[in-house]
Amino acid sequence: MSKTNSTQFRHHASFGKRMEYFVLGRMLKEGIDLYVPLVDDFGIDAV
């Protein structure tokens, strides 16, 4: 993998994680109970 692809992947991965936490924060503000796994083995963001 070239340096450009590696940097681009990290940018997309961090953007995805920021969006995930943004949505979780909005759900918490609405009073929704969330359970977030400590380990992301199965690609489950929250229950």
C-alpha atoms as a PDB file:
ATOM      1  CA  MET A   1       0.000   0.000   0.000  1.00  0.00           C
ATOM      2  CA  SER A   2       1.432   3.366  -0.928  1.00  0.00           C
ATOM      3  CA  LYS A   3       1.690   6.226   1.529  1.00  0.00           C
ATOM      4  CA  THR A   4      -1.106   8.129  -0.212  1.00  0.00           C
ATOM      5  CA  ASN A   5      -3.552   5.223   0.081  1.00  0.00           C
ATOM      6  CA  SER A   6      -2.606   4.701   3.729  1.00  0.00           C
ATOM      7  CA  THR A   7      -3.183   8.367   4.549  1.00  0.00           C
ATOM      8  CA  GLN A   8      -6.447   8.402   2.632  1.00  0.00           C
ATOM      9  CA  PHE A   9      -7.688   5.295   4.484  1.00  0.00           C
ATOM     10  CA  ARG A  10      -6.863   6.853   7.865  1.00  0.00           C
ATOM     11  CA  HIS A  11      -8.720  10.022   6.869  1.00  0.00           C
ATOM     12  CA  HIS A  12     -11.830   8.040   5.874  1.00  0.00           C
ATOM     13  CA  ALA A  13     -11.623   5.821   8.949  1.00  0.00           C
ATOM     14  CA  SER A  14     -11.365   8.798  11.310  1.00  0.00           C
ATOM     15  CA  PHE A  15     -14.234  10.546   9.510  1.00  0.00           C
ATOM     16  CA  GLY A  16     -16.378   7.437   9.936  1.00  0.00           C
ATOM     17  CA  LYS A  17     -15.543   7.224  13.648  1.00  0.00           C
ATOM     18  CA  ARG A  18     -16.373  10.927  14.133  1.00  0.00           C
ATOM     19  CA  MET A  19     -19.738  10.436  12.411  1.00  0.00           C
ATOM     20  CA  GLU A  20     -20.432   7.358  14.528  1.00  0.00           C
ATOM     21  CA  TYR A  21     -19.872   9.315  17.749  1.00  0.00           C
ATOM     22  CA  PHE A  22     -21.891  12.248  16.403  1.00  0.00           C
ATOM     23  CA  VAL A  23     -24.910   9.985  15.827  1.00  0.00           C
ATOM     24  CA  LEU A  24     -24.463   8.255  19.187  1.00  0.00           C
ATOM     25  CA  GLY A  25     -24.343  11.669  20.874  1.00  0.00           C
ATOM     26  CA  ARG A  26     -27.552  12.749  19.164  1.00  0.00           C
ATOM     27  CA  MET A  27     -29.261   9.530  20.238  1.00  0.00           C
ATOM     28  CA  LEU A  28     -28.150  10.068  23.853  1.00  0.00           C
ATOM     29  CA  LYS A  29     -29.519  13.630  23.757  1.00  0.00           C
ATOM     30  CA  GLU A  30     -32.883  12.174  22.704  1.00  0.00           C
ATOM     31  CA  GLY A  31     -32.837   9.949  25.785  1.00  0.00           C
ATOM     32  CA  ILE A  32     -32.158   6.668  23.992  1.00  0.00           C
ATOM     33  CA  ASP A  33     -30.320   4.044  26.058  1.00  0.00           C
ATOM     34  CA  LEU A  34     -27.212   2.869  24.217  1.00  0.00           C
ATOM     35  CA  TYR A  35     -24.812   0.036  24.805  1.00  0.00           C
ATOM     36  CA  VAL A  36     -21.516   0.484  22.974  1.00  0.00           C
ATOM     37  CA  PRO A  37     -19.196  -2.555  22.771  1.00  0.00           C
ATOM     38  CA  LEU A  38     -15.634  -2.106  24.019  1.00  0.00           C
ATOM     39  CA  VAL A  39     -14.258  -4.263  21.195  1.00  0.00           C
ATOM     40  CA  ASP A  40     -15.414  -3.897  17.573  1.00  0.00           C
ATOM     41  CA  ASP A  41     -15.088  -7.568  16.538  1.00  0.00           C
ATOM     42  CA  PHE A  42     -18.330  -7.804  14.587  1.00  0.00           C
ATOM     43  CA  GLY A  43     -18.790  -4.263  13.267  1.00  0.00           C
ATOM     44  CA  ILE A  44     -21.567  -3.464  15.733  1.00  0.00           C
ATOM     45  CA  ASP A  45     -21.534   0.214  16.709  1.00  0.00           C
ATOM     46  CA  ALA A  46     -24.238   0.209  19.372  1.00  0.00           C
ATOM     47  CA  VAL A  47     -27.184  -1.729  20.700  1.00  0.00           C
END
